[in-house]
Amino acid sequence: MARITKAVWVDRDNAFKLRLESSSPDSPSAPTDLTTVSSMGLELSSRAGDHSLTVDRDAADAAINWWDYEQGEVEFTLGPWAGQDGIVAGSYDCRLTIYAPATPSGIVWLSFAGQELAVDVYQTS
């Protein structure tokens, strides 16, 4: 599967957005309704180490935000978290898990427009 790679600058506020879409063999892709999502978790994995973050829906100015529930857009501002968690520069595979009352154990989001998510972390100093 192809990869979509986003840049994360340690201790910086650079953000990127991804649109979560649902699809099936019988229907075209459409934005995922995030109305019932209670939290999201992000895991980064590399040879340098693993890191994880979970954000609740009501967290203000969080590393992961989703406000436009019907458009399926999720905004990631991971630089401050990368600095706090001591994430070193490098390439990381990512796994996003979405939690809702109907799926309390979470659903792993496998692709974004048919691509796996990865981040490249850069040191700023």
PDB file of N, CA and C in Angstrom:
ATOM      1  N   MET A   1       0.848  -1.175   0.000  1.00  0.00           N
ATOM      2  CA  MET A   1       0.000   0.000   0.000  1.00  0.00           C
ATOM      3  C   MET A   1       0.897   1.243   0.000  1.00  0.00           C
ATOM      4  N   ALA A   2       0.492   2.237  -0.719  1.00  0.00           N
ATOM      5  CA  ALA A   2       1.233   3.499  -0.776  1.00  0.00           C
ATOM      6  C   ALA A   2       1.186   4.198   0.573  1.00  0.00           C
ATOM      7  N   ARG A   3       2.098   5.153   0.775  1.00  0.00           N
ATOM      8  CA  ARG A   3       2.167   5.883   2.043  1.00  0.00           C
ATOM      9  C   ARG A   3       1.911   7.363   1.811  1.00  0.00           C
ATOM     10  N   ILE A   4       1.269   7.976   2.774  1.00  0.00           N
ATOM     11  CA  ILE A   4       1.161   9.423   2.823  1.00  0.00           C
ATOM     12  C   ILE A   4       2.009   9.851   4.020  1.00  0.00           C
ATOM     13  N   THR A   5       3.000  10.694   3.778  1.00  0.00           N
ATOM     14  CA  THR A   5       3.938  11.083   4.829  1.00  0.00           C
ATOM     15  C   THR A   5       3.756  12.559   5.156  1.00  0.00           C
ATOM     16  N   LYS A   6       3.624  12.849   6.434  1.00  0.00           N
ATOM     17  CA  LYS A   6       3.456  14.219   6.913  1.00  0.00           C
ATOM     18  C   LYS A   6       4.641  14.592   7.785  1.00  0.00           C
ATOM     19  N   ALA A   7       5.006  15.868   7.765  1.00  0.00           N
ATOM     20  CA  ALA A   7       6.133  16.358   8.567  1.00  0.00           C
ATOM     21  C   ALA A   7       5.652  16.821   9.934  1.00  0.00           C
ATOM     22  N   VAL A   8       6.427  16.492  10.967  1.00  0.00           N
ATOM     23  CA  VAL A   8       6.186  16.950  12.336  1.00  0.00           C
ATOM     24  C   VAL A   8       7.475  17.606  12.815  1.00  0.00           C
ATOM     25  N   TRP A   9       7.364  18.850  13.253  1.00  0.00           N
ATOM     26  CA  TRP A   9       8.507  19.599  13.771  1.00  0.00           C
ATOM     27  C   TRP A   9       8.398  19.640  15.287  1.00  0.00           C
ATOM     28  N   VAL A  10       9.395  19.067  15.983  1.00  0.00           N
ATOM     29  CA  VAL A  10       9.379  18.984  17.441  1.00  0.00           C
ATOM     30  C   VAL A  10       9.240  20.389  18.035  1.00  0.00           C
ATOM     31  N   ASP A  11       8.322  20.544  18.988  1.00  0.00           N
ATOM     32  CA  ASP A  11       8.045  21.786  19.711  1.00  0.00           C
ATOM     33  C   ASP A  11       7.492  22.911  18.837  1.00  0.00           C
ATOM     34  N   ARG A  12       6.984  22.603  17.659  1.00  0.00           N
ATOM     35  CA  ARG A  12       6.383  23.617  16.796  1.00  0.00           C
ATOM     36  C   ARG A  12       4.907  23.310  16.592  1.00  0.00           C
ATOM     37  N   ASP A  13       4.143  24.343  16.196  1.00  0.00           N
ATOM     38  CA  ASP A  13       2.694  24.222  16.062  1.00  0.00           C
ATOM     39  C   ASP A  13       2.218  23.892  14.648  1.00  0.00           C
ATOM     40  N   ASN A  14       3.099  23.441  13.768  1.00  0.00           N
ATOM     41  CA  ASN A  14       2.674  23.077  12.417  1.00  0.00           C
ATOM     42  C   ASN A  14       1.597  22.007  12.509  1.00  0.00           C
ATOM     43  N   ALA A  15       0.562  22.150  11.706  1.00  0.00           N
ATOM     44  CA  ALA A  15      -0.559  21.216  11.737  1.00  0.00           C
ATOM     45  C   ALA A  15      -0.799  20.641  10.346  1.00  0.00           C
ATOM     46  N   PHE A  16      -1.423  19.482  10.309  1.00  0.00           N
ATOM     47  CA  PHE A  16      -1.900  18.927   9.049  1.00  0.00           C
ATOM     48  C   PHE A  16      -3.265  18.301   9.296  1.00  0.00           C
ATOM     49  N   LYS A  17      -4.073  18.251   8.236  1.00  0.00           N
ATOM     50  CA  LYS A  17      -5.411  17.671   8.328  1.00  0.00           C
ATOM     51  C   LYS A  17      -5.506  16.460   7.425  1.00  0.00           C
ATOM     52  N   LEU A  18      -6.282  15.504   7.885  1.00  0.00           N
ATOM     53  CA  LEU A  18      -6.620  14.333   7.086  1.00  0.00           C
ATOM     54  C   LEU A  18      -8.127  14.154   7.115  1.00  0.00           C
ATOM     55  N   ARG A  19      -8.659  13.722   6.007  1.00  0.00           N
ATOM     56  CA  ARG A  19     -10.093  13.468   5.921  1.00  0.00           C
ATOM     57  C   ARG A  19     -10.311  11.960   5.996  1.00  0.00           C
ATOM     58  N   LEU A  20     -11.099  11.539   6.974  1.00  0.00           N
ATOM     59  CA  LEU A  20     -11.423  10.130   7.136  1.00  0.00           C
ATOM     60  C   LEU A  20     -12.636   9.810   6.275  1.00  0.00           C
ATOM     61  N   GLU A  21     -12.494   8.803   5.434  1.00  0.00           N
ATOM     62  CA  GLU A  21     -13.584   8.432   4.540  1.00  0.00           C
ATOM     63  C   GLU A  21     -13.964   6.978   4.741  1.00  0.00           C
ATOM     64  N   SER A  22     -15.255   6.721   4.598  1.00  0.00           N
ATOM     65  CA  SER A  22     -15.774   5.364   4.649  1.00  0.00           C
ATOM     66  C   SER A  22     -16.063   4.922   3.225  1.00  0.00           C
ATOM     67  N   SER A  23     -15.805   3.669   2.958  1.00  0.00           N
ATOM     68  CA  SER A  23     -16.121   3.154   1.622  1.00  0.00           C
ATOM     69  C   SER A  23     -16.464   1.676   1.735  1.00  0.00           C
ATOM     70  N   SER A  24     -17.137   1.201   0.715  1.00  0.00           N
ATOM     71  CA  SER A  24     -17.460  -0.213   0.628  1.00  0.00           C
ATOM     72  C   SER A  24     -17.503  -0.564  -0.857  1.00  0.00           C
ATOM     73  N   PRO A  25     -17.465  -1.846  -1.164  1.00  0.00           N
ATOM     74  CA  PRO A  25     -17.512  -2.237  -2.574  1.00  0.00           C
ATOM     75  C   PRO A  25     -18.798  -1.782  -3.274  1.00  0.00           C
ATOM     76  N   ASP A  26     -19.867  -1.578  -2.493  1.00  0.00           N
ATOM     77  CA  ASP A  26     -21.160  -1.233  -3.080  1.00  0.00           C
ATOM     78  C   ASP A  26     -21.433   0.261  -3.162  1.00  0.00           C
ATOM     79  N   SER A  27     -20.573   1.095  -2.559  1.00  0.00           N
ATOM     80  CA  SER A  27     -20.856   2.530  -2.576  1.00  0.00           C
ATOM     81  C   SER A  27     -19.555   3.323  -2.680  1.00  0.00           C
ATOM     82  N   PRO A  28     -19.642   4.549  -3.199  1.00  0.00           N
ATOM     83  CA  PRO A  28     -18.445   5.381  -3.300  1.00  0.00           C
ATOM     84  C   PRO A  28     -18.005   5.860  -1.915  1.00  0.00           C
ATOM     85  N   SER A  29     -16.780   6.312  -1.816  1.00  0.00           N
ATOM     86  CA  SER A  29     -16.298   6.805  -0.526  1.00  0.00           C
ATOM     87  C   SER A  29     -17.018   8.090  -0.151  1.00  0.00           C
ATOM     88  N   ALA A  30     -17.166   8.288   1.144  1.00  0.00           N
ATOM     89  CA  ALA A  30     -17.845   9.470   1.678  1.00  0.00           C
ATOM     90  C   ALA A  30     -17.184   9.838   2.997  1.00  0.00           C
ATOM     91  N   PRO A  31     -17.273  11.119   3.404  1.00  0.00           N
ATOM     92  CA  PRO A  31     -16.692  11.503   4.692  1.00  0.00           C
ATOM     93  C   PRO A  31     -17.287  10.681   5.829  1.00  0.00           C
ATOM     94  N   THR A  32     -16.446  10.295   6.757  1.00  0.00           N
ATOM     95  CA  THR A  32     -16.896   9.545   7.924  1.00  0.00           C
ATOM     96  C   THR A  32     -17.526  10.492   8.928  1.00  0.00           C
ATOM     97  N   ASP A  33     -18.690  10.149   9.413  1.00  0.00           N
ATOM     98  CA  ASP A  33     -19.366  10.958  10.427  1.00  0.00           C
ATOM     99  C   ASP A  33     -18.673  10.716  11.769  1.00  0.00           C
ATOM    100  N   LEU A  34     -18.093  11.767  12.343  1.00  0.00           N
ATOM    101  CA  LEU A  34     -17.357  11.661  13.595  1.00  0.00           C
ATOM    102  C   LEU A  34     -18.178  12.126  14.797  1.00  0.00           C
ATOM    103  N   THR A  35     -19.489  12.261  14.628  1.00  0.00           N
ATOM    104  CA  THR A  35     -20.363  12.786  15.668  1.00  0.00           C
ATOM    105  C   THR A  35     -20.257  12.012  16.979  1.00  0.00           C
ATOM    106  N   THR A  36     -20.166  10.701  16.911  1.00  0.00           N
ATOM    107  CA  THR A  36     -20.161   9.898  18.139  1.00  0.00           C
ATOM    108  C   THR A  36     -18.762   9.557  18.643  1.00  0.00           C
ATOM    109  N   VAL A  37     -17.722  10.032  17.977  1.00  0.00           N
ATOM    110  CA  VAL A  37     -16.356   9.706  18.386  1.00  0.00           C
ATOM    111  C   VAL A  37     -16.066  10.350  19.737  1.00  0.00           C
ATOM    112  N   SER A  38     -15.642   9.538  20.703  1.00  0.00           N
ATOM    113  CA  SER A  38     -15.363  10.042  22.048  1.00  0.00           C
ATOM    114  C   SER A  38     -13.881  10.317  22.270  1.00  0.00           C
ATOM    115  N   SER A  39     -13.011   9.594  21.558  1.00  0.00           N
ATOM    116  CA  SER A  39     -11.569   9.829  21.659  1.00  0.00           C
ATOM    117  C   SER A  39     -10.866   9.205  20.471  1.00  0.00           C
ATOM    118  N   MET A  40      -9.617   9.627  20.277  1.00  0.00           N
ATOM    119  CA  MET A  40      -8.765   9.067  19.235  1.00  0.00           C
ATOM    120  C   MET A  40      -7.395   8.804  19.828  1.00  0.00           C
ATOM    121  N   GLY A  41      -6.796   7.731  19.376  1.00  0.00           N
ATOM    122  CA  GLY A  41      -5.446   7.393  19.811  1.00  0.00           C
ATOM    123  C   GLY A  41      -4.523   7.300  18.620  1.00  0.00           C
ATOM    124  N   LEU A  42      -3.294   7.764  18.777  1.00  0.00           N
ATOM    125  CA  LEU A  42      -2.303   7.704  17.712  1.00  0.00           C
ATOM    126  C   LEU A  42      -1.070   6.997  18.244  1.00  0.00           C
ATOM    127  N   GLU A  43      -0.588   6.028  17.496  1.00  0.00           N
ATOM    128  CA  GLU A  43       0.630   5.314  17.856  1.00  0.00           C
ATOM    129  C   GLU A  43       1.665   5.543  16.773  1.00  0.00           C
ATOM    130  N   LEU A  44       2.892   5.886  17.182  1.00  0.00           N
ATOM    131  CA  LEU A  44       4.019   6.023  16.271  1.00  0.00           C
ATOM    132  C   LEU A  44       4.985   4.887  16.552  1.00  0.00           C
ATOM    133  N   SER A  45       5.472   4.248  15.507  1.00  0.00           N
ATOM    134  CA  SER A  45       6.397   3.125  15.678  1.00  0.00           C
ATOM    135  C   SER A  45       7.597   3.281  14.755  1.00  0.00           C
ATOM    136  N   SER A  46       8.777   3.008  15.299  1.00  0.00           N
ATOM    137  CA  SER A  46      10.003   2.989  14.502  1.00  0.00           C
ATOM    138  C   SER A  46      11.057   2.211  15.268  1.00  0.00           C
ATOM    139  N   ARG A  47      12.201   2.042  14.659  1.00  0.00           N
ATOM    140  CA  ARG A  47      13.305   1.373  15.353  1.00  0.00           C
ATOM    141  C   ARG A  47      13.781   2.195  16.537  1.00  0.00           C
ATOM    142  N   ALA A  48      13.549   3.520  16.493  1.00  0.00           N
ATOM    143  CA  ALA A  48      13.976   4.404  17.585  1.00  0.00           C
ATOM    144  C   ALA A  48      13.086   4.271  18.810  1.00  0.00           C
ATOM    145  N   GLY A  49      11.908   3.696  18.649  1.00  0.00           N
ATOM    146  CA  GLY A  49      11.004   3.526  19.776  1.00  0.00           C
ATOM    147  C   GLY A  49       9.558   3.750  19.395  1.00  0.00           C
ATOM    148  N   ASP A  50       8.674   3.417  20.312  1.00  0.00           N
ATOM    149  CA  ASP A  50       7.236   3.569  20.098  1.00  0.00           C
ATOM    150  C   ASP A  50       6.697   4.641  21.029  1.00  0.00           C
ATOM    151  N   HIS A  51       5.691   5.366  20.548  1.00  0.00           N
ATOM    152  CA  HIS A  51       5.060   6.431  21.333  1.00  0.00           C
ATOM    153  C   HIS A  51       3.565   6.377  21.071  1.00  0.00           C
ATOM    154  N   SER A  52       2.769   6.707  22.087  1.00  0.00           N
ATOM    155  CA  SER A  52       1.322   6.719  21.892  1.00  0.00           C
ATOM    156  C   SER A  52       0.694   7.910  22.601  1.00  0.00           C
ATOM    157  N   LEU A  53      -0.448   8.311  22.072  1.00  0.00           N
ATOM    158  CA  LEU A  53      -1.177   9.470  22.556  1.00  0.00           C
ATOM    159  C   LEU A  53      -2.660   9.190  22.396  1.00  0.00           C
ATOM    160  N   THR A  54      -3.456   9.505  23.412  1.00  0.00           N
ATOM    161  CA  THR A  54      -4.909   9.410  23.316  1.00  0.00           C
ATOM    162  C   THR A  54      -5.495  10.762  23.689  1.00  0.00           C
ATOM    163  N   VAL A  55      -6.437  11.228  22.877  1.00  0.00           N
ATOM    164  CA  VAL A  55      -7.058  12.536  23.091  1.00  0.00           C
ATOM    165  C   VAL A  55      -8.563  12.358  23.203  1.00  0.00           C
ATOM    166  N   ASP A  56      -9.156  12.921  24.252  1.00  0.00           N
ATOM    167  CA  ASP A  56     -10.611  12.897  24.428  1.00  0.00           C
ATOM    168  C   ASP A  56     -11.255  14.007  23.618  1.00  0.00           C
ATOM    169  N   ARG A  57     -12.495  13.786  23.261  1.00  0.00           N
ATOM    170  CA  ARG A  57     -13.256  14.714  22.424  1.00  0.00           C
ATOM    171  C   ARG A  57     -13.273  16.144  22.975  1.00  0.00           C
ATOM    172  N   ASP A  58     -13.387  16.297  24.273  1.00  0.00           N
ATOM    173  CA  ASP A  58     -13.542  17.623  24.870  1.00  0.00           C
ATOM    174  C   ASP A  58     -12.224  18.334  25.164  1.00  0.00           C
ATOM    175  N   ALA A  59     -11.097  17.745  24.818  1.00  0.00           N
ATOM    176  CA  ALA A  59      -9.800  18.371  25.091  1.00  0.00           C
ATOM    177  C   ALA A  59      -9.604  19.571  24.172  1.00  0.00           C
ATOM    178  N   ALA A  60      -9.374  20.726  24.764  1.00  0.00           N
ATOM    179  CA  ALA A  60      -9.160  21.946  23.980  1.00  0.00           C
ATOM    180  C   ALA A  60      -7.711  22.024  23.529  1.00  0.00           C
ATOM    181  N   ASP A  61      -7.501  22.509  22.312  1.00  0.00           N
ATOM    182  CA  ASP A  61      -6.154  22.684  21.758  1.00  0.00           C
ATOM    183  C   ASP A  61      -5.298  21.440  21.911  1.00  0.00           C
ATOM    184  N   ALA A  62      -5.864  20.306  21.597  1.00  0.00           N
ATOM    185  CA  ALA A  62      -5.159  19.033  21.747  1.00  0.00           C
ATOM    186  C   ALA A  62      -4.314  18.730  20.514  1.00  0.00           C
ATOM    187  N   ALA A  63      -3.502  17.707  20.608  1.00  0.00           N
ATOM    188  CA  ALA A  63      -2.658  17.283  19.496  1.00  0.00           C
ATOM    189  C   ALA A  63      -3.484  16.699  18.347  1.00  0.00           C
ATOM    190  N   ILE A  64      -4.671  16.179  18.680  1.00  0.00           N
ATOM    191  CA  ILE A  64      -5.599  15.659  17.673  1.00  0.00           C
ATOM    192  C   ILE A  64      -6.943  16.340  17.925  1.00  0.00           C
ATOM    193  N   ASN A  65      -7.501  16.951  16.888  1.00  0.00           N
ATOM    194  CA  ASN A  65      -8.792  17.633  17.023  1.00  0.00           C
ATOM    195  C   ASN A  65      -9.709  17.241  15.880  1.00  0.00           C
ATOM    196  N   TRP A  66     -10.988  17.113  16.190  1.00  0.00           N
ATOM    197  CA  TRP A  66     -11.999  16.875  15.165  1.00  0.00           C
ATOM    198  C   TRP A  66     -13.226  17.663  15.550  1.00  0.00           C
ATOM    199  N   TRP A  67     -13.480  18.745  14.787  1.00  0.00           N
ATOM    200  CA  TRP A  67     -14.607  19.635  15.085  1.00  0.00           C
ATOM    201  C   TRP A  67     -15.722  19.491  14.069  1.00  0.00           C
ATOM    202  N   ASP A  68     -15.365  19.382  12.815  1.00  0.00           N
ATOM    203  CA  ASP A  68     -16.366  19.323  11.752  1.00  0.00           C
ATOM    204  C   ASP A  68     -16.791  17.865  11.578  1.00  0.00           C
ATOM    205  N   TYR A  69     -17.668  17.426  12.463  1.00  0.00           N
ATOM    206  CA  TYR A  69     -17.993  16.017  12.603  1.00  0.00           C
ATOM    207  C   TYR A  69     -18.466  15.354  11.318  1.00  0.00           C
ATOM    208  N   GLU A  70     -19.244  16.064  10.518  1.00  0.00           N
ATOM    209  CA  GLU A  70     -19.830  15.448   9.331  1.00  0.00           C
ATOM    210  C   GLU A  70     -18.884  15.426   8.139  1.00  0.00           C
ATOM    211  N   GLN A  71     -17.809  16.191   8.182  1.00  0.00           N
ATOM    212  CA  GLN A  71     -16.866  16.229   7.059  1.00  0.00           C
ATOM    213  C   GLN A  71     -15.703  15.254   7.240  1.00  0.00           C
ATOM    214  N   GLY A  72     -15.611  14.632   8.389  1.00  0.00           N
ATOM    215  CA  GLY A  72     -14.593  13.624   8.614  1.00  0.00           C
ATOM    216  C   GLY A  72     -13.175  14.152   8.715  1.00  0.00           C
ATOM    217  N   GLU A  73     -13.012  15.458   8.961  1.00  0.00           N
ATOM    218  CA  GLU A  73     -11.667  16.029   9.023  1.00  0.00           C
ATOM    219  C   GLU A  73     -11.086  15.951  10.432  1.00  0.00           C
ATOM    220  N   VAL A  74      -9.820  15.553  10.474  1.00  0.00           N
ATOM    221  CA  VAL A  74      -9.086  15.459  11.730  1.00  0.00           C
ATOM    222  C   VAL A  74      -7.822  16.288  11.575  1.00  0.00           C
ATOM    223  N   GLU A  75      -7.573  17.168  12.550  1.00  0.00           N
ATOM    224  CA  GLU A  75      -6.373  18.005  12.512  1.00  0.00           C
ATOM    225  C   GLU A  75      -5.369  17.484  13.534  1.00  0.00           C
ATOM    226  N   PHE A  76      -4.136  17.358  13.099  1.00  0.00           N
ATOM    227  CA  PHE A  76      -3.045  16.879  13.941  1.00  0.00           C
ATOM    228  C   PHE A  76      -2.039  18.010  14.146  1.00  0.00           C
ATOM    229  N   THR A  77      -1.752  18.353  15.398  1.00  0.00           N
ATOM    230  CA  THR A  77      -0.706  19.314  15.761  1.00  0.00           C
ATOM    231  C   THR A  77       0.205  18.567  16.725  1.00  0.00           C
ATOM    232  N   LEU A  78       1.160  17.845  16.194  1.00  0.00           N
ATOM    233  CA  LEU A  78       1.916  16.868  16.970  1.00  0.00           C
ATOM    234  C   LEU A  78       3.246  17.377  17.509  1.00  0.00           C
ATOM    235  N   GLY A  79       3.709  18.548  17.067  1.00  0.00           N
ATOM    236  CA  GLY A  79       5.016  19.057  17.482  1.00  0.00           C
ATOM    237  C   GLY A  79       5.180  19.230  18.982  1.00  0.00           C
ATOM    238  N   PRO A  80       4.244  19.894  19.675  1.00  0.00           N
ATOM    239  CA  PRO A  80       4.383  20.030  21.130  1.00  0.00           C
ATOM    240  C   PRO A  80       4.405  18.676  21.844  1.00  0.00           C
ATOM    241  N   TRP A  81       3.553  17.746  21.427  1.00  0.00           N
ATOM    242  CA  TRP A  81       3.553  16.406  22.017  1.00  0.00           C
ATOM    243  C   TRP A  81       4.879  15.697  21.761  1.00  0.00           C
ATOM    244  N   ALA A  82       5.416  15.836  20.538  1.00  0.00           N
ATOM    245  CA  ALA A  82       6.706  15.202  20.212  1.00  0.00           C
ATOM    246  C   ALA A  82       7.799  15.705  21.145  1.00  0.00           C
ATOM    247  N   GLY A  83       7.770  17.015  21.454  1.00  0.00           N
ATOM    248  CA  GLY A  83       8.758  17.564  22.378  1.00  0.00           C
ATOM    249  C   GLY A  83       8.569  17.059  23.793  1.00  0.00           C
ATOM    250  N   GLN A  84       7.335  17.032  24.278  1.00  0.00           N
ATOM    251  CA  GLN A  84       7.048  16.577  25.634  1.00  0.00           C
ATOM    252  C   GLN A  84       7.364  15.100  25.823  1.00  0.00           C
ATOM    253  N   ASP A  85       7.131  14.305  24.774  1.00  0.00           N
ATOM    254  CA  ASP A  85       7.320  12.857  24.879  1.00  0.00           C
ATOM    255  C   ASP A  85       8.739  12.428  24.504  1.00  0.00           C
ATOM    256  N   GLY A  86       9.593  13.384  24.125  1.00  0.00           N
ATOM    257  CA  GLY A  86      10.974  13.056  23.785  1.00  0.00           C
ATOM    258  C   GLY A  86      11.121  12.249  22.508  1.00  0.00           C
ATOM    259  N   ILE A  87      10.244  12.489  21.540  1.00  0.00           N
ATOM    260  CA  ILE A  87      10.308  11.761  20.276  1.00  0.00           C
ATOM    261  C   ILE A  87      11.488  12.291  19.465  1.00  0.00           C
ATOM    262  N   VAL A  88      12.356  11.395  19.040  1.00  0.00           N
ATOM    263  CA  VAL A  88      13.552  11.796  18.307  1.00  0.00           C
ATOM    264  C   VAL A  88      13.267  11.858  16.810  1.00  0.00           C
ATOM    265  N   ALA A  89      14.126  12.587  16.102  1.00  0.00           N
ATOM    266  CA  ALA A  89      13.972  12.719  14.651  1.00  0.00           C
ATOM    267  C   ALA A  89      14.000  11.344  13.995  1.00  0.00           C
ATOM    268  N   GLY A  90      13.192  11.191  12.961  1.00  0.00           N
ATOM    269  CA  GLY A  90      13.157   9.932  12.224  1.00  0.00           C
ATOM    270  C   GLY A  90      11.820   9.725  11.552  1.00  0.00           C
ATOM    271  N   SER A  91      11.692   8.616  10.871  1.00  0.00           N
ATOM    272  CA  SER A  91      10.444   8.250  10.196  1.00  0.00           C
ATOM    273  C   SER A  91       9.679   7.252  11.052  1.00  0.00           C
ATOM    274  N   TYR A  92       8.381   7.467  11.167  1.00  0.00           N
ATOM    275  CA  TYR A  92       7.530   6.632  12.021  1.00  0.00           C
ATOM    276  C   TYR A  92       6.299   6.158  11.247  1.00  0.00           C
ATOM    277  N   ASP A  93       5.961   4.891  11.403  1.00  0.00           N
ATOM    278  CA  ASP A  93       4.688   4.377  10.929  1.00  0.00           C
ATOM    279  C   ASP A  93       3.633   4.782  11.955  1.00  0.00           C
ATOM    280  N   CYS A  94       2.424   5.062  11.497  1.00  0.00           N
ATOM    281  CA  CYS A  94       1.365   5.531  12.400  1.00  0.00           C
ATOM    282  C   CYS A  94       0.157   4.611  12.352  1.00  0.00           C
ATOM    283  N   ARG A  95      -0.526   4.581  13.483  1.00  0.00           N
ATOM    284  CA  ARG A  95      -1.804   3.869  13.555  1.00  0.00           C
ATOM    285  C   ARG A  95      -2.769   4.733  14.346  1.00  0.00           C
ATOM    286  N   LEU A  96      -3.876   5.099  13.719  1.00  0.00           N
ATOM    287  CA  LEU A  96      -4.912   5.904  14.356  1.00  0.00           C
ATOM    288  C   LEU A  96      -6.044   4.982  14.774  1.00  0.00           C
ATOM    289  N   THR A  97      -6.462   5.083  16.041  1.00  0.00           N
ATOM    290  CA  THR A  97      -7.579   4.295  16.544  1.00  0.00           C
ATOM    291  C   THR A  97      -8.674   5.248  16.988  1.00  0.00           C
ATOM    292  N   ILE A  98      -9.891   4.957  16.560  1.00  0.00           N
ATOM    293  CA  ILE A  98     -11.040   5.812  16.847  1.00  0.00           C
ATOM    294  C   ILE A  98     -11.977   5.075  17.799  1.00  0.00           C
ATOM    295  N   TYR A  99     -12.355   5.763  18.885  1.00  0.00           N
ATOM    296  CA  TYR A  99     -13.221   5.175  19.914  1.00  0.00           C
ATOM    297  C   TYR A  99     -14.572   5.890  19.932  1.00  0.00           C
ATOM    298  N   ALA A 100     -15.639   5.118  20.068  1.00  0.00           N
ATOM    299  CA  ALA A 100     -17.003   5.640  20.154  1.00  0.00           C
ATOM    300  C   ALA A 100     -17.807   4.682  21.032  1.00  0.00           C
ATOM    301  N   PRO A 101     -18.979   5.105  21.504  1.00  0.00           N
ATOM    302  CA  PRO A 101     -19.786   4.204  22.341  1.00  0.00           C
ATOM    303  C   PRO A 101     -20.089   2.857  21.673  1.00  0.00           C
ATOM    304  N   ALA A 102     -20.299   2.853  20.381  1.00  0.00           N
ATOM    305  CA  ALA A 102     -20.596   1.602  19.680  1.00  0.00           C
ATOM    306  C   ALA A 102     -19.349   0.744  19.468  1.00  0.00           C
ATOM    307  N   THR A 103     -18.172   1.347  19.611  1.00  0.00           N
ATOM    308  CA  THR A 103     -16.904   0.625  19.419  1.00  0.00           C
ATOM    309  C   THR A 103     -15.944   0.974  20.552  1.00  0.00           C
ATOM    310  N   PRO A 104     -16.253   0.576  21.791  1.00  0.00           N
ATOM    311  CA  PRO A 104     -15.440   0.971  22.942  1.00  0.00           C
ATOM    312  C   PRO A 104     -14.006   0.446  22.905  1.00  0.00           C
ATOM    313  N   SER A 105     -13.755  -0.631  22.169  1.00  0.00           N
ATOM    314  CA  SER A 105     -12.391  -1.140  22.039  1.00  0.00           C
ATOM    315  C   SER A 105     -11.634  -0.452  20.910  1.00  0.00           C
ATOM    316  N   GLY A 106     -12.339   0.360  20.141  1.00  0.00           N
ATOM    317  CA  GLY A 106     -11.713   1.149  19.088  1.00  0.00           C
ATOM    318  C   GLY A 106     -11.693   0.460  17.735  1.00  0.00           C
ATOM    319  N   ILE A 107     -11.615   1.285  16.701  1.00  0.00           N
ATOM    320  CA  ILE A 107     -11.464   0.829  15.321  1.00  0.00           C
ATOM    321  C   ILE A 107     -10.162   1.414  14.809  1.00  0.00           C
ATOM    322  N   VAL A 108      -9.278   0.570  14.318  1.00  0.00           N
ATOM    323  CA  VAL A 108      -8.020   1.040  13.744  1.00  0.00           C
ATOM    324  C   VAL A 108      -8.310   1.539  12.334  1.00  0.00           C
ATOM    325  N   TRP A 109      -7.942   2.808  12.092  1.00  0.00           N
ATOM    326  CA  TRP A 109      -8.152   3.397  10.771  1.00  0.00           C
ATOM    327  C   TRP A 109      -6.965   3.006   9.906  1.00  0.00           C
ATOM    328  N   LEU A 110      -7.214   2.204   8.885  1.00  0.00           N
ATOM    329  CA  LEU A 110      -6.131   1.603   8.133  1.00  0.00           C
ATOM    330  C   LEU A 110      -5.559   2.474   7.028  1.00  0.00           C
ATOM    331  N   SER A 111      -6.375   3.314   6.415  1.00  0.00           N
ATOM    332  CA  SER A 111      -5.823   4.092   5.309  1.00  0.00           C
ATOM    333  C   SER A 111      -6.489   5.450   5.199  1.00  0.00           C
ATOM    334  N   PHE A 112      -5.793   6.333   4.523  1.00  0.00           N
ATOM    335  CA  PHE A 112      -6.243   7.688   4.256  1.00  0.00           C
ATOM    336  C   PHE A 112      -6.158   7.867   2.751  1.00  0.00           C
ATOM    337  N   ALA A 113      -7.301   7.897   2.093  1.00  0.00           N
ATOM    338  CA  ALA A 113      -7.357   7.971   0.632  1.00  0.00           C
ATOM    339  C   ALA A 113      -6.531   6.826   0.021  1.00  0.00           C
ATOM    340  N   GLY A 114      -6.642   5.632   0.623  1.00  0.00           N
ATOM    341  CA  GLY A 114      -5.947   4.466   0.111  1.00  0.00           C
ATOM    342  C   GLY A 114      -4.460   4.423   0.416  1.00  0.00           C
ATOM    343  N   GLN A 115      -4.005   5.249   1.350  1.00  0.00           N
ATOM    344  CA  GLN A 115      -2.590   5.295   1.697  1.00  0.00           C
ATOM    345  C   GLN A 115      -2.408   5.134   3.197  1.00  0.00           C
ATOM    346  N   GLU A 116      -1.315   4.480   3.593  1.00  0.00           N
ATOM    347  CA  GLU A 116      -0.989   4.360   5.011  1.00  0.00           C
ATOM    348  C   GLU A 116      -0.336   5.649   5.485  1.00  0.00           C
ATOM    349  N   LEU A 117      -0.596   6.027   6.729  1.00  0.00           N
ATOM    350  CA  LEU A 117      -0.039   7.255   7.293  1.00  0.00           C
ATOM    351  C   LEU A 117       1.332   7.004   7.902  1.00  0.00           C
ATOM    352  N   ALA A 118       2.238   7.921   7.646  1.00  0.00           N
ATOM    353  CA  ALA A 118       3.557   7.925   8.268  1.00  0.00           C
ATOM    354  C   ALA A 118       3.907   9.370   8.581  1.00  0.00           C
ATOM    355  N   VAL A 119       4.772   9.584   9.562  1.00  0.00           N
ATOM    356  CA  VAL A 119       5.252  10.939   9.840  1.00  0.00           C
ATOM    357  C   VAL A 119       6.771  10.931   9.873  1.00  0.00           C
ATOM    358  N   ASP A 120       7.336  12.015   9.393  1.00  0.00           N
ATOM    359  CA  ASP A 120       8.770  12.267   9.521  1.00  0.00           C
ATOM    360  C   ASP A 120       8.926  13.338  10.591  1.00  0.00           C
ATOM    361  N   VAL A 121       9.642  13.019  11.648  1.00  0.00           N
ATOM    362  CA  VAL A 121       9.850  13.956  12.752  1.00  0.00           C
ATOM    363  C   VAL A 121      11.196  14.649  12.567  1.00  0.00           C
ATOM    364  N   TYR A 122      11.167  15.982  12.692  1.00  0.00           N
ATOM    365  CA  TYR A 122      12.365  16.798  12.535  1.00  0.00           C
ATOM    366  C   TYR A 122      12.631  17.573  13.828  1.00  0.00           C
ATOM    367  N   GLN A 123      13.884  17.633  14.240  1.00  0.00           N
ATOM    368  CA  GLN A 123      14.294  18.454  15.392  1.00  0.00           C
ATOM    369  C   GLN A 123      14.376  19.908  14.925  1.00  0.00           C
ATOM    370  N   THR A 124      14.044  20.829  15.800  1.00  0.00           N
ATOM    371  CA  THR A 124      14.061  22.248  15.427  1.00  0.00           C
ATOM    372  C   THR A 124      15.270  22.991  15.932  1.00  0.00           C
ATOM    373  N   SER A 125      16.085  22.360  16.762  1.00  0.00           N
ATOM    374  CA  SER A 125      17.281  23.063  17.248  1.00  0.00           C
ATOM    375  C   SER A 125      18.503  22.189  17.178  1.00  0.00           C
TER     376      SER A 125
END
